[in-house]
Amino acid sequence: MMRPANNLLEVYVCLEPIDFRKGINGLAALIEAGLGLSPFAAALYVFSNQRRNQVKILYWERNGFCLWQKRLEQERFHWLRRTDSKVEMISGQQLNWLLDGYDIARFKPHKTLQYSCIS
């Protein structure tokens, strides 16, 4: 089974859905022109379709691009909320949670509290 490593340093999730007819060249152009990132960086670029039942992951590996795709037969992926940004950075572990069907937006830990004294 092929699965992204949990210790990946750079995983970029495109927040807007894309046209899934795009292949490697179209996605690489979108990364460069639309997101302002380098498709040749040591990173994974994650995309979803409008229905959120498919995911494509594009990455550069030494001498060529690799394209990974997952299609759900039922249900949908819990995608990240749209913000002012076009892309959000997550960890490799979070990507695997997303691929497993978890809503990673709800996996946020409690706030860190800092006190200066006990009263």
PDB file of N, CA and C in Angstrom:
ATOM      1  N   MET A   1       0.840  -1.181   0.000  1.00  0.00           N
ATOM      2  CA  MET A   1       0.000   0.000   0.000  1.00  0.00           C
ATOM      3  C   MET A   1       0.883   1.241   0.000  1.00  0.00           C
ATOM      4  N   MET A   2       0.573   2.190  -0.852  1.00  0.00           N
ATOM      5  CA  MET A   2       1.319   3.449  -0.907  1.00  0.00           C
ATOM      6  C   MET A   2       0.590   4.475  -0.055  1.00  0.00           C
ATOM      7  N   ARG A   3       1.319   5.071   0.876  1.00  0.00           N
ATOM      8  CA  ARG A   3       0.733   6.081   1.755  1.00  0.00           C
ATOM      9  C   ARG A   3       1.789   7.114   2.091  1.00  0.00           C
ATOM     10  N   PRO A   4       1.438   8.404   2.196  1.00  0.00           N
ATOM     11  CA  PRO A   4       2.423   9.429   2.568  1.00  0.00           C
ATOM     12  C   PRO A   4       2.997   9.149   3.960  1.00  0.00           C
ATOM     13  N   ALA A   5       4.271   9.465   4.132  1.00  0.00           N
ATOM     14  CA  ALA A   5       4.918   9.289   5.434  1.00  0.00           C
ATOM     15  C   ALA A   5       4.383  10.309   6.432  1.00  0.00           C
ATOM     16  N   ASN A   6       4.271   9.908   7.689  1.00  0.00           N
ATOM     17  CA  ASN A   6       3.762  10.799   8.735  1.00  0.00           C
ATOM     18  C   ASN A   6       4.712  11.937   9.056  1.00  0.00           C
ATOM     19  N   ASN A   7       6.003  11.769   8.768  1.00  0.00           N
ATOM     20  CA  ASN A   7       6.987  12.781   9.153  1.00  0.00           C
ATOM     21  C   ASN A   7       7.307  13.778   8.031  1.00  0.00           C
ATOM     22  N   LEU A   8       6.441  13.870   7.041  1.00  0.00           N
ATOM     23  CA  LEU A   8       6.659  14.843   5.959  1.00  0.00           C
ATOM     24  C   LEU A   8       6.680  16.250   6.522  1.00  0.00           C
ATOM     25  N   LEU A   9       7.573  17.074   6.001  1.00  0.00           N
ATOM     26  CA  LEU A   9       7.699  18.433   6.518  1.00  0.00           C
ATOM     27  C   LEU A   9       6.776  19.418   5.825  1.00  0.00           C
ATOM     28  N   GLU A  10       6.522  19.222   4.531  1.00  0.00           N
ATOM     29  CA  GLU A  10       5.716  20.189   3.790  1.00  0.00           C
ATOM     30  C   GLU A  10       4.608  19.486   3.016  1.00  0.00           C
ATOM     31  N   VAL A  11       3.380  19.728   3.451  1.00  0.00           N
ATOM     32  CA  VAL A  11       2.196  19.227   2.759  1.00  0.00           C
ATOM     33  C   VAL A  11       1.282  20.428   2.574  1.00  0.00           C
ATOM     34  N   TYR A  12       1.024  20.782   1.328  1.00  0.00           N
ATOM     35  CA  TYR A  12       0.185  21.937   1.019  1.00  0.00           C
ATOM     36  C   TYR A  12      -1.169  21.455   0.509  1.00  0.00           C
ATOM     37  N   VAL A  13      -2.235  21.921   1.141  1.00  0.00           N
ATOM     38  CA  VAL A  13      -3.592  21.556   0.749  1.00  0.00           C
ATOM     39  C   VAL A  13      -4.223  22.746   0.038  1.00  0.00           C
ATOM     40  N   CYS A  14      -4.627  22.539  -1.202  1.00  0.00           N
ATOM     41  CA  CYS A  14      -5.339  23.569  -1.951  1.00  0.00           C
ATOM     42  C   CYS A  14      -6.772  23.610  -1.415  1.00  0.00           C
ATOM     43  N   LEU A  15      -7.201  24.763  -0.915  1.00  0.00           N
ATOM     44  CA  LEU A  15      -8.494  24.867  -0.260  1.00  0.00           C
ATOM     45  C   LEU A  15      -9.670  24.886  -1.230  1.00  0.00           C
ATOM     46  N   GLU A  16      -9.445  25.378  -2.431  1.00  0.00           N
ATOM     47  CA  GLU A  16     -10.508  25.437  -3.435  1.00  0.00           C
ATOM     48  C   GLU A  16     -10.544  24.130  -4.231  1.00  0.00           C
ATOM     49  N   PRO A  17     -11.727  23.660  -4.590  1.00  0.00           N
ATOM     50  CA  PRO A  17     -11.792  22.461  -5.439  1.00  0.00           C
ATOM     51  C   PRO A  17     -11.235  22.758  -6.829  1.00  0.00           C
ATOM     52  N   ILE A  18     -10.721  21.724  -7.474  1.00  0.00           N
ATOM     53  CA  ILE A  18     -10.146  21.883  -8.810  1.00  0.00           C
ATOM     54  C   ILE A  18     -10.886  21.000  -9.809  1.00  0.00           C
ATOM     55  N   ASP A  19     -10.658  21.263 -11.069  1.00  0.00           N
ATOM     56  CA  ASP A  19     -11.172  20.438 -12.153  1.00  0.00           C
ATOM     57  C   ASP A  19     -10.327  19.164 -12.189  1.00  0.00           C
ATOM     58  N   PHE A  20     -10.939  18.020 -11.930  1.00  0.00           N
ATOM     59  CA  PHE A  20     -10.181  16.776 -11.837  1.00  0.00           C
ATOM     60  C   PHE A  20      -9.774  16.197 -13.186  1.00  0.00           C
ATOM     61  N   ARG A  21     -10.074  16.892 -14.269  1.00  0.00           N
ATOM     62  CA  ARG A  21      -9.541  16.478 -15.561  1.00  0.00           C
ATOM     63  C   ARG A  21      -8.079  16.887 -15.687  1.00  0.00           C
ATOM     64  N   LYS A  22      -7.608  17.769 -14.784  1.00  0.00           N
ATOM     65  CA  LYS A  22      -6.204  18.197 -14.814  1.00  0.00           C
ATOM     66  C   LYS A  22      -5.299  17.013 -14.483  1.00  0.00           C
ATOM     67  N   GLY A  23      -4.247  16.895 -15.253  1.00  0.00           N
ATOM     68  CA  GLY A  23      -3.239  15.875 -15.003  1.00  0.00           C
ATOM     69  C   GLY A  23      -2.009  16.513 -14.383  1.00  0.00           C
ATOM     70  N   ILE A  24      -0.890  15.862 -14.562  1.00  0.00           N
ATOM     71  CA  ILE A  24       0.362  16.331 -13.967  1.00  0.00           C
ATOM     72  C   ILE A  24       0.710  17.739 -14.431  1.00  0.00           C
ATOM     73  N   ASN A  25       0.690  17.998 -15.729  1.00  0.00           N
ATOM     74  CA  ASN A  25       1.078  19.315 -16.238  1.00  0.00           C
ATOM     75  C   ASN A  25       0.143  20.411 -15.738  1.00  0.00           C
ATOM     76  N   GLY A  26      -1.150  20.161 -15.763  1.00  0.00           N
ATOM     77  CA  GLY A  26      -2.114  21.151 -15.297  1.00  0.00           C
ATOM     78  C   GLY A  26      -1.974  21.443 -13.815  1.00  0.00           C
ATOM     79  N   LEU A  27      -1.745  20.405 -13.013  1.00  0.00           N
ATOM     80  CA  LEU A  27      -1.580  20.608 -11.574  1.00  0.00           C
ATOM     81  C   LEU A  27      -0.272  21.332 -11.265  1.00  0.00           C
ATOM     82  N   ALA A  28       0.811  20.981 -11.971  1.00  0.00           N
ATOM     83  CA  ALA A  28       2.097  21.658 -11.761  1.00  0.00           C
ATOM     84  C   ALA A  28       1.974  23.141 -12.106  1.00  0.00           C
ATOM     85  N   ALA A  29       1.263  23.448 -13.185  1.00  0.00           N
ATOM     86  CA  ALA A  29       1.050  24.853 -13.564  1.00  0.00           C
ATOM     87  C   ALA A  29       0.207  25.572 -12.509  1.00  0.00           C
ATOM     88  N   LEU A  30      -0.798  24.902 -11.961  1.00  0.00           N
ATOM     89  CA  LEU A  30      -1.632  25.487 -10.906  1.00  0.00           C
ATOM     90  C   LEU A  30      -0.817  25.778  -9.652  1.00  0.00           C
ATOM     91  N   ILE A  31       0.064  24.865  -9.293  1.00  0.00           N
ATOM     92  CA  ILE A  31       0.922  25.057  -8.118  1.00  0.00           C
ATOM     93  C   ILE A  31       1.792  26.296  -8.302  1.00  0.00           C
ATOM     94  N   GLU A  32       2.399  26.397  -9.475  1.00  0.00           N
ATOM     95  CA  GLU A  32       3.330  27.491  -9.741  1.00  0.00           C
ATOM     96  C   GLU A  32       2.621  28.830  -9.935  1.00  0.00           C
ATOM     97  N   ALA A  33       1.643  28.870 -10.822  1.00  0.00           N
ATOM     98  CA  ALA A  33       0.995  30.140 -11.167  1.00  0.00           C
ATOM     99  C   ALA A  33      -0.129  30.511 -10.204  1.00  0.00           C
ATOM    100  N   GLY A  34      -0.937  29.542  -9.817  1.00  0.00           N
ATOM    101  CA  GLY A  34      -2.094  29.832  -8.979  1.00  0.00           C
ATOM    102  C   GLY A  34      -1.800  29.932  -7.496  1.00  0.00           C
ATOM    103  N   LEU A  35      -0.877  29.091  -7.010  1.00  0.00           N
ATOM    104  CA  LEU A  35      -0.563  29.061  -5.579  1.00  0.00           C
ATOM    105  C   LEU A  35       0.736  29.774  -5.240  1.00  0.00           C
ATOM    106  N   GLY A  36       1.544  30.066  -6.249  1.00  0.00           N
ATOM    107  CA  GLY A  36       2.804  30.756  -6.017  1.00  0.00           C
ATOM    108  C   GLY A  36       3.861  29.903  -5.343  1.00  0.00           C
ATOM    109  N   LEU A  37       3.796  28.591  -5.554  1.00  0.00           N
ATOM    110  CA  LEU A  37       4.743  27.659  -4.949  1.00  0.00           C
ATOM    111  C   LEU A  37       5.521  26.938  -6.043  1.00  0.00           C
ATOM    112  N   SER A  38       6.591  26.259  -5.665  1.00  0.00           N
ATOM    113  CA  SER A  38       7.389  25.520  -6.643  1.00  0.00           C
ATOM    114  C   SER A  38       6.945  24.059  -6.679  1.00  0.00           C
ATOM    115  N   PRO A  39       6.506  23.567  -7.835  1.00  0.00           N
ATOM    116  CA  PRO A  39       6.115  22.157  -7.913  1.00  0.00           C
ATOM    117  C   PRO A  39       7.309  21.207  -7.790  1.00  0.00           C
ATOM    118  N   PHE A  40       8.534  21.741  -7.866  1.00  0.00           N
ATOM    119  CA  PHE A  40       9.736  20.919  -7.757  1.00  0.00           C
ATOM    120  C   PHE A  40      10.276  20.838  -6.328  1.00  0.00           C
ATOM    121  N   ALA A  41       9.628  21.508  -5.384  1.00  0.00           N
ATOM    122  CA  ALA A  41      10.064  21.483  -3.986  1.00  0.00           C
ATOM    123  C   ALA A  41       9.827  20.094  -3.391  1.00  0.00           C
ATOM    124  N   ALA A  42      10.511  19.826  -2.293  1.00  0.00           N
ATOM    125  CA  ALA A  42      10.321  18.557  -1.580  1.00  0.00           C
ATOM    126  C   ALA A  42       9.043  18.663  -0.745  1.00  0.00           C
ATOM    127  N   ALA A  43       7.902  18.611  -1.429  1.00  0.00           N
ATOM    128  CA  ALA A  43       6.615  18.800  -0.772  1.00  0.00           C
ATOM    129  C   ALA A  43       5.543  18.006  -1.499  1.00  0.00           C
ATOM    130  N   LEU A  44       4.437  17.788  -0.812  1.00  0.00           N
ATOM    131  CA  LEU A  44       3.258  17.197  -1.427  1.00  0.00           C
ATOM    132  C   LEU A  44       2.226  18.299  -1.626  1.00  0.00           C
ATOM    133  N   TYR A  45       1.512  18.242  -2.742  1.00  0.00           N
ATOM    134  CA  TYR A  45       0.453  19.207  -3.046  1.00  0.00           C
ATOM    135  C   TYR A  45      -0.844  18.420  -3.183  1.00  0.00           C
ATOM    136  N   VAL A  46      -1.825  18.763  -2.349  1.00  0.00           N
ATOM    137  CA  VAL A  46      -3.051  17.975  -2.212  1.00  0.00           C
ATOM    138  C   VAL A  46      -4.230  18.771  -2.765  1.00  0.00           C
ATOM    139  N   PHE A  47      -5.029  18.110  -3.603  1.00  0.00           N
ATOM    140  CA  PHE A  47      -6.172  18.744  -4.258  1.00  0.00           C
ATOM    141  C   PHE A  47      -7.411  17.878  -4.090  1.00  0.00           C
ATOM    142  N   SER A  48      -8.580  18.513  -4.146  1.00  0.00           N
ATOM    143  CA  SER A  48      -9.843  17.796  -4.094  1.00  0.00           C
ATOM    144  C   SER A  48     -10.757  18.290  -5.206  1.00  0.00           C
ATOM    145  N   ASN A  49     -11.722  17.460  -5.556  1.00  0.00           N
ATOM    146  CA  ASN A  49     -12.723  17.862  -6.547  1.00  0.00           C
ATOM    147  C   ASN A  49     -13.874  18.588  -5.839  1.00  0.00           C
ATOM    148  N   GLN A  50     -14.832  19.066  -6.608  1.00  0.00           N
ATOM    149  CA  GLN A  50     -15.965  19.826  -6.073  1.00  0.00           C
ATOM    150  C   GLN A  50     -16.800  18.991  -5.100  1.00  0.00           C
ATOM    151  N   ARG A  51     -17.017  17.729  -5.405  1.00  0.00           N
ATOM    152  CA  ARG A  51     -17.847  16.870  -4.559  1.00  0.00           C
ATOM    153  C   ARG A  51     -17.127  16.369  -3.317  1.00  0.00           C
ATOM    154  N   ARG A  52     -15.831  16.575  -3.248  1.00  0.00           N
ATOM    155  CA  ARG A  52     -14.983  16.158  -2.117  1.00  0.00           C
ATOM    156  C   ARG A  52     -14.975  14.634  -1.912  1.00  0.00           C
ATOM    157  N   ASN A  53     -15.116  13.910  -3.009  1.00  0.00           N
ATOM    158  CA  ASN A  53     -15.021  12.453  -2.900  1.00  0.00           C
ATOM    159  C   ASN A  53     -13.755  11.907  -3.572  1.00  0.00           C
ATOM    160  N   GLN A  54     -12.897  12.834  -4.056  1.00  0.00           N
ATOM    161  CA  GLN A  54     -11.636  12.433  -4.663  1.00  0.00           C
ATOM    162  C   GLN A  54     -10.516  13.362  -4.209  1.00  0.00           C
ATOM    163  N   VAL A  55      -9.330  12.787  -4.110  1.00  0.00           N
ATOM    164  CA  VAL A  55      -8.133  13.542  -3.747  1.00  0.00           C
ATOM    165  C   VAL A  55      -7.033  13.179  -4.725  1.00  0.00           C
ATOM    166  N   LYS A  56      -6.281  14.192  -5.160  1.00  0.00           N
ATOM    167  CA  LYS A  56      -5.067  13.985  -5.946  1.00  0.00           C
ATOM    168  C   LYS A  56      -3.908  14.606  -5.185  1.00  0.00           C
ATOM    169  N   ILE A  57      -2.771  13.914  -5.206  1.00  0.00           N
ATOM    170  CA  ILE A  57      -1.549  14.405  -4.572  1.00  0.00           C
ATOM    171  C   ILE A  57      -0.450  14.385  -5.624  1.00  0.00           C
ATOM    172  N   LEU A  58       0.174  15.536  -5.826  1.00  0.00           N
ATOM    173  CA  LEU A  58       1.260  15.652  -6.790  1.00  0.00           C
ATOM    174  C   LEU A  58       2.559  15.945  -6.043  1.00  0.00           C
ATOM    175  N   TYR A  59       3.642  15.300  -6.470  1.00  0.00           N
ATOM    176  CA  TYR A  59       4.958  15.600  -5.899  1.00  0.00           C
ATOM    177  C   TYR A  59       6.049  15.267  -6.902  1.00  0.00           C
ATOM    178  N   TRP A  60       7.177  15.944  -6.721  1.00  0.00           N
ATOM    179  CA  TRP A  60       8.355  15.738  -7.550  1.00  0.00           C
ATOM    180  C   TRP A  60       9.258  14.747  -6.844  1.00  0.00           C
ATOM    181  N   GLU A  61       9.724  13.722  -7.583  1.00  0.00           N
ATOM    182  CA  GLU A  61      10.622  12.731  -7.007  1.00  0.00           C
ATOM    183  C   GLU A  61      11.852  12.594  -7.897  1.00  0.00           C
ATOM    184  N   ARG A  62      12.946  13.193  -7.506  1.00  0.00           N
ATOM    185  CA  ARG A  62      14.249  13.161  -8.174  1.00  0.00           C
ATOM    186  C   ARG A  62      14.250  13.549  -9.642  1.00  0.00           C
ATOM    187  N   ASN A  63      13.551  12.795 -10.482  1.00  0.00           N
ATOM    188  CA  ASN A  63      13.649  13.031 -11.921  1.00  0.00           C
ATOM    189  C   ASN A  63      12.290  13.031 -12.627  1.00  0.00           C
ATOM    190  N   GLY A  64      11.225  13.185 -11.865  1.00  0.00           N
ATOM    191  CA  GLY A  64       9.905  13.217 -12.487  1.00  0.00           C
ATOM    192  C   GLY A  64       8.796  13.417 -11.472  1.00  0.00           C
ATOM    193  N   PHE A  65       7.622  13.763 -11.975  1.00  0.00           N
ATOM    194  CA  PHE A  65       6.459  13.966 -11.114  1.00  0.00           C
ATOM    195  C   PHE A  65       5.757  12.638 -10.836  1.00  0.00           C
ATOM    196  N   CYS A  66       5.162  12.552  -9.659  1.00  0.00           N
ATOM    197  CA  CYS A  66       4.321  11.421  -9.281  1.00  0.00           C
ATOM    198  C   CYS A  66       2.933  11.969  -8.963  1.00  0.00           C
ATOM    199  N   LEU A  67       1.924  11.261  -9.388  1.00  0.00           N
ATOM    200  CA  LEU A  67       0.542  11.663  -9.137  1.00  0.00           C
ATOM    201  C   LEU A  67      -0.175  10.503  -8.458  1.00  0.00           C
ATOM    202  N   TRP A  68      -0.724  10.778  -7.280  1.00  0.00           N
ATOM    203  CA  TRP A  68      -1.421   9.784  -6.467  1.00  0.00           C
ATOM    204  C   TRP A  68      -2.872  10.215  -6.377  1.00  0.00           C
ATOM    205  N   GLN A  69      -3.805   9.273  -6.471  1.00  0.00           N
ATOM    206  CA  GLN A  69      -5.228   9.618  -6.430  1.00  0.00           C
ATOM    207  C   GLN A  69      -5.987   8.623  -5.573  1.00  0.00           C
ATOM    208  N   LYS A  70      -6.964   9.139  -4.821  1.00  0.00           N
ATOM    209  CA  LYS A  70      -7.876   8.293  -4.053  1.00  0.00           C
ATOM    210  C   LYS A  70      -9.294   8.755  -4.339  1.00  0.00           C
ATOM    211  N   ARG A  71     -10.175   7.775  -4.645  1.00  0.00           N
ATOM    212  CA  ARG A  71     -11.581   8.066  -4.883  1.00  0.00           C
ATOM    213  C   ARG A  71     -12.408   7.286  -3.872  1.00  0.00           C
ATOM    214  N   LEU A  72     -13.284   7.987  -3.157  1.00  0.00           N
ATOM    215  CA  LEU A  72     -14.176   7.330  -2.220  1.00  0.00           C
ATOM    216  C   LEU A  72     -15.405   6.809  -2.957  1.00  0.00           C
ATOM    217  N   GLU A  73     -15.821   5.632  -2.624  1.00  0.00           N
ATOM    218  CA  GLU A  73     -17.020   5.064  -3.226  1.00  0.00           C
ATOM    219  C   GLU A  73     -18.277   5.598  -2.544  1.00  0.00           C
ATOM    220  N   GLN A  74     -18.168   5.929  -1.273  1.00  0.00           N
ATOM    221  CA  GLN A  74     -19.250   6.537  -0.508  1.00  0.00           C
ATOM    222  C   GLN A  74     -18.617   7.586   0.393  1.00  0.00           C
ATOM    223  N   GLU A  75     -19.414   8.473   0.918  1.00  0.00           N
ATOM    224  CA  GLU A  75     -18.974   9.535   1.825  1.00  0.00           C
ATOM    225  C   GLU A  75     -18.111  10.574   1.110  1.00  0.00           C
ATOM    226  N   ARG A  76     -17.592  11.516   1.907  1.00  0.00           N
ATOM    227  CA  ARG A  76     -16.768  12.607   1.384  1.00  0.00           C
ATOM    228  C   ARG A  76     -15.622  12.893   2.334  1.00  0.00           C
ATOM    229  N   PHE A  77     -14.578  13.515   1.797  1.00  0.00           N
ATOM    230  CA  PHE A  77     -13.467  13.941   2.638  1.00  0.00           C
ATOM    231  C   PHE A  77     -13.880  15.179   3.427  1.00  0.00           C
ATOM    232  N   HIS A  78     -13.438  15.264   4.670  1.00  0.00           N
ATOM    233  CA  HIS A  78     -13.649  16.467   5.488  1.00  0.00           C
ATOM    234  C   HIS A  78     -12.529  17.430   5.140  1.00  0.00           C
ATOM    235  N   TRP A  79     -12.836  18.411   4.296  1.00  0.00           N
ATOM    236  CA  TRP A  79     -11.804  19.315   3.801  1.00  0.00           C
ATOM    237  C   TRP A  79     -11.587  20.467   4.763  1.00  0.00           C
ATOM    238  N   LEU A  80     -10.439  21.096   4.660  1.00  0.00           N
ATOM    239  CA  LEU A  80     -10.127  22.254   5.484  1.00  0.00           C
ATOM    240  C   LEU A  80     -11.032  23.417   5.121  1.00  0.00           C
ATOM    241  N   ARG A  81     -11.326  24.249   6.086  1.00  0.00           N
ATOM    242  CA  ARG A  81     -12.184  25.417   5.863  1.00  0.00           C
ATOM    243  C   ARG A  81     -11.454  26.428   4.984  1.00  0.00           C
ATOM    244  N   ARG A  82     -12.199  27.068   4.128  1.00  0.00           N
ATOM    245  CA  ARG A  82     -11.617  28.093   3.266  1.00  0.00           C
ATOM    246  C   ARG A  82     -11.299  29.332   4.086  1.00  0.00           C
ATOM    247  N   THR A  83     -10.140  29.890   3.809  1.00  0.00           N
ATOM    248  CA  THR A  83      -9.691  31.116   4.472  1.00  0.00           C
ATOM    249  C   THR A  83      -9.327  32.125   3.391  1.00  0.00           C
ATOM    250  N   ASP A  84      -8.679  33.187   3.790  1.00  0.00           N
ATOM    251  CA  ASP A  84      -8.211  34.178   2.815  1.00  0.00           C
ATOM    252  C   ASP A  84      -7.114  33.600   1.923  1.00  0.00           C
ATOM    253  N   SER A  85      -6.444  32.592   2.406  1.00  0.00           N
ATOM    254  CA  SER A  85      -5.365  31.960   1.664  1.00  0.00           C
ATOM    255  C   SER A  85      -5.931  30.919   0.693  1.00  0.00           C
ATOM    256  N   LYS A  86      -5.188  30.628  -0.358  1.00  0.00           N
ATOM    257  CA  LYS A  86      -5.586  29.602  -1.321  1.00  0.00           C
ATOM    258  C   LYS A  86      -5.097  28.227  -0.917  1.00  0.00           C
ATOM    259  N   VAL A  87      -4.129  28.208   0.013  1.00  0.00           N
ATOM    260  CA  VAL A  87      -3.486  26.957   0.386  1.00  0.00           C
ATOM    261  C   VAL A  87      -3.233  26.952   1.889  1.00  0.00           C
ATOM    262  N   GLU A  88      -3.251  25.765   2.473  1.00  0.00           N
ATOM    263  CA  GLU A  88      -2.982  25.598   3.907  1.00  0.00           C
ATOM    264  C   GLU A  88      -1.921  24.516   4.053  1.00  0.00           C
ATOM    265  N   MET A  89      -0.992  24.719   4.973  1.00  0.00           N
ATOM    266  CA  MET A  89       0.059  23.740   5.205  1.00  0.00           C
ATOM    267  C   MET A  89      -0.346  22.845   6.377  1.00  0.00           C
ATOM    268  N   ILE A  90      -0.202  21.525   6.202  1.00  0.00           N
ATOM    269  CA  ILE A  90      -0.507  20.565   7.259  1.00  0.00           C
ATOM    270  C   ILE A  90       0.659  19.588   7.384  1.00  0.00           C
ATOM    271  N   SER A  91       0.605  18.727   8.381  1.00  0.00           N
ATOM    272  CA  SER A  91       1.653  17.723   8.580  1.00  0.00           C
ATOM    273  C   SER A  91       1.313  16.444   7.814  1.00  0.00           C
ATOM    274  N   GLY A  92       2.284  15.579   7.686  1.00  0.00           N
ATOM    275  CA  GLY A  92       2.052  14.282   7.056  1.00  0.00           C
ATOM    276  C   GLY A  92       1.045  13.461   7.829  1.00  0.00           C
ATOM    277  N   GLN A  93       1.088  13.528   9.157  1.00  0.00           N
ATOM    278  CA  GLN A  93       0.123  12.809   9.988  1.00  0.00           C
ATOM    279  C   GLN A  93      -1.288  13.329   9.743  1.00  0.00           C
ATOM    280  N   GLN A  94      -1.430  14.647   9.654  1.00  0.00           N
ATOM    281  CA  GLN A  94      -2.744  15.227   9.385  1.00  0.00           C
ATOM    282  C   GLN A  94      -3.262  14.818   8.009  1.00  0.00           C
ATOM    283  N   LEU A  95      -2.370  14.728   7.032  1.00  0.00           N
ATOM    284  CA  LEU A  95      -2.772  14.276   5.703  1.00  0.00           C
ATOM    285  C   LEU A  95      -3.314  12.854   5.771  1.00  0.00           C
ATOM    286  N   ASN A  96      -2.651  11.993   6.495  1.00  0.00           N
ATOM    287  CA  ASN A  96      -3.140  10.619   6.627  1.00  0.00           C
ATOM    288  C   ASN A  96      -4.480  10.564   7.350  1.00  0.00           C
ATOM    289  N   TRP A  97      -4.653  11.409   8.360  1.00  0.00           N
ATOM    290  CA  TRP A  97      -5.963  11.484   9.027  1.00  0.00           C
ATOM    291  C   TRP A  97      -7.029  11.928   8.033  1.00  0.00           C
ATOM    292  N   LEU A  98      -6.703  12.935   7.215  1.00  0.00           N
ATOM    293  CA  LEU A  98      -7.641  13.430   6.209  1.00  0.00           C
ATOM    294  C   LEU A  98      -8.013  12.310   5.233  1.00  0.00           C
ATOM    295  N   LEU A  99      -7.018  11.553   4.783  1.00  0.00           N
ATOM    296  CA  LEU A  99      -7.266  10.449   3.859  1.00  0.00           C
ATOM    297  C   LEU A  99      -8.084   9.328   4.505  1.00  0.00           C
ATOM    298  N   ASP A 100      -7.976   9.189   5.819  1.00  0.00           N
ATOM    299  CA  ASP A 100      -8.745   8.177   6.552  1.00  0.00           C
ATOM    300  C   ASP A 100     -10.164   8.625   6.877  1.00  0.00           C
ATOM    301  N   GLY A 101     -10.484   9.890   6.600  1.00  0.00           N
ATOM    302  CA  GLY A 101     -11.840  10.365   6.804  1.00  0.00           C
ATOM    303  C   GLY A 101     -12.061  11.214   8.034  1.00  0.00           C
ATOM    304  N   TYR A 102     -10.997  11.543   8.752  1.00  0.00           N
ATOM    305  CA  TYR A 102     -11.145  12.376   9.942  1.00  0.00           C
ATOM    306  C   TYR A 102     -11.276  13.851   9.569  1.00  0.00           C
ATOM    307  N   ASP A 103     -11.964  14.594  10.392  1.00  0.00           N
ATOM    308  CA  ASP A 103     -12.059  16.047  10.258  1.00  0.00           C
ATOM    309  C   ASP A 103     -10.888  16.631  11.045  1.00  0.00           C
ATOM    310  N   ILE A 104      -9.798  16.953  10.352  1.00  0.00           N
ATOM    311  CA  ILE A 104      -8.587  17.380  11.056  1.00  0.00           C
ATOM    312  C   ILE A 104      -8.737  18.756  11.690  1.00  0.00           C
ATOM    313  N   ALA A 105      -9.734  19.525  11.279  1.00  0.00           N
ATOM    314  CA  ALA A 105      -9.965  20.832  11.899  1.00  0.00           C
ATOM    315  C   ALA A 105     -10.397  20.668  13.354  1.00  0.00           C
ATOM    316  N   ARG A 106     -10.970  19.534  13.700  1.00  0.00           N
ATOM    317  CA  ARG A 106     -11.451  19.297  15.071  1.00  0.00           C
ATOM    318  C   ARG A 106     -10.406  18.628  15.954  1.00  0.00           C
ATOM    319  N   PHE A 107      -9.255  18.303  15.405  1.00  0.00           N
ATOM    320  CA  PHE A 107      -8.188  17.680  16.182  1.00  0.00           C
ATOM    321  C   PHE A 107      -7.271  18.713  16.824  1.00  0.00           C
ATOM    322  N   LYS A 108      -7.792  19.871  17.078  1.00  0.00           N
ATOM    323  CA  LYS A 108      -6.965  20.910  17.675  1.00  0.00           C
ATOM    324  C   LYS A 108      -6.860  20.674  19.180  1.00  0.00           C
ATOM    325  N   PRO A 109      -5.660  20.837  19.735  1.00  0.00           N
ATOM    326  CA  PRO A 109      -5.496  20.651  21.181  1.00  0.00           C
ATOM    327  C   PRO A 109      -6.053  21.839  21.950  1.00  0.00           C
ATOM    328  N   HIS A 110      -6.136  21.660  23.249  1.00  0.00           N
ATOM    329  CA  HIS A 110      -6.563  22.769  24.108  1.00  0.00           C
ATOM    330  C   HIS A 110      -5.552  23.905  24.017  1.00  0.00           C
ATOM    331  N   LYS A 111      -6.003  25.097  24.328  1.00  0.00           N
ATOM    332  CA  LYS A 111      -5.118  26.255  24.325  1.00  0.00           C
ATOM    333  C   LYS A 111      -4.029  26.082  25.379  1.00  0.00           C
ATOM    334  N   THR A 112      -2.868  26.604  25.080  1.00  0.00           N
ATOM    335  CA  THR A 112      -1.775  26.616  26.047  1.00  0.00           C
ATOM    336  C   THR A 112      -2.002  27.789  26.989  1.00  0.00           C
ATOM    337  N   LEU A 113      -2.026  27.489  28.255  1.00  0.00           N
ATOM    338  CA  LEU A 113      -2.247  28.535  29.268  1.00  0.00           C
ATOM    339  C   LEU A 113      -0.917  28.911  29.901  1.00  0.00           C
ATOM    340  N   GLN A 114      -0.725  30.195  30.119  1.00  0.00           N
ATOM    341  CA  GLN A 114       0.496  30.675  30.766  1.00  0.00           C
ATOM    342  C   GLN A 114       0.099  31.625  31.897  1.00  0.00           C
ATOM    343  N   TYR A 115       0.590  31.305  33.069  1.00  0.00           N
ATOM    344  CA  TYR A 115       0.285  32.121  34.238  1.00  0.00           C
ATOM    345  C   TYR A 115       1.571  32.695  34.801  1.00  0.00           C
ATOM    346  N   SER A 116       1.454  33.836  35.440  1.00  0.00           N
ATOM    347  CA  SER A 116       2.628  34.426  36.085  1.00  0.00           C
ATOM    348  C   SER A 116       2.625  34.185  37.596  1.00  0.00           C
ATOM    349  N   CYS A 117       1.464  33.890  38.149  1.00  0.00           N
ATOM    350  CA  CYS A 117       1.398  33.608  39.593  1.00  0.00           C
ATOM    351  C   CYS A 117       0.121  32.826  39.886  1.00  0.00           C
ATOM    352  N   ILE A 118       0.082  32.267  41.091  1.00  0.00           N
ATOM    353  CA  ILE A 118      -1.099  31.550  41.550  1.00  0.00           C
ATOM    354  C   ILE A 118      -1.890  32.490  42.435  1.00  0.00           C
ATOM    355  N   SER A 119      -3.165  32.710  42.154  1.00  0.00           N
ATOM    356  CA  SER A 119      -3.947  33.581  43.025  1.00  0.00           C
ATOM    357  C   SER A 119      -5.138  32.894  43.598  1.00  0.00           C
TER     358      SER A 119
END
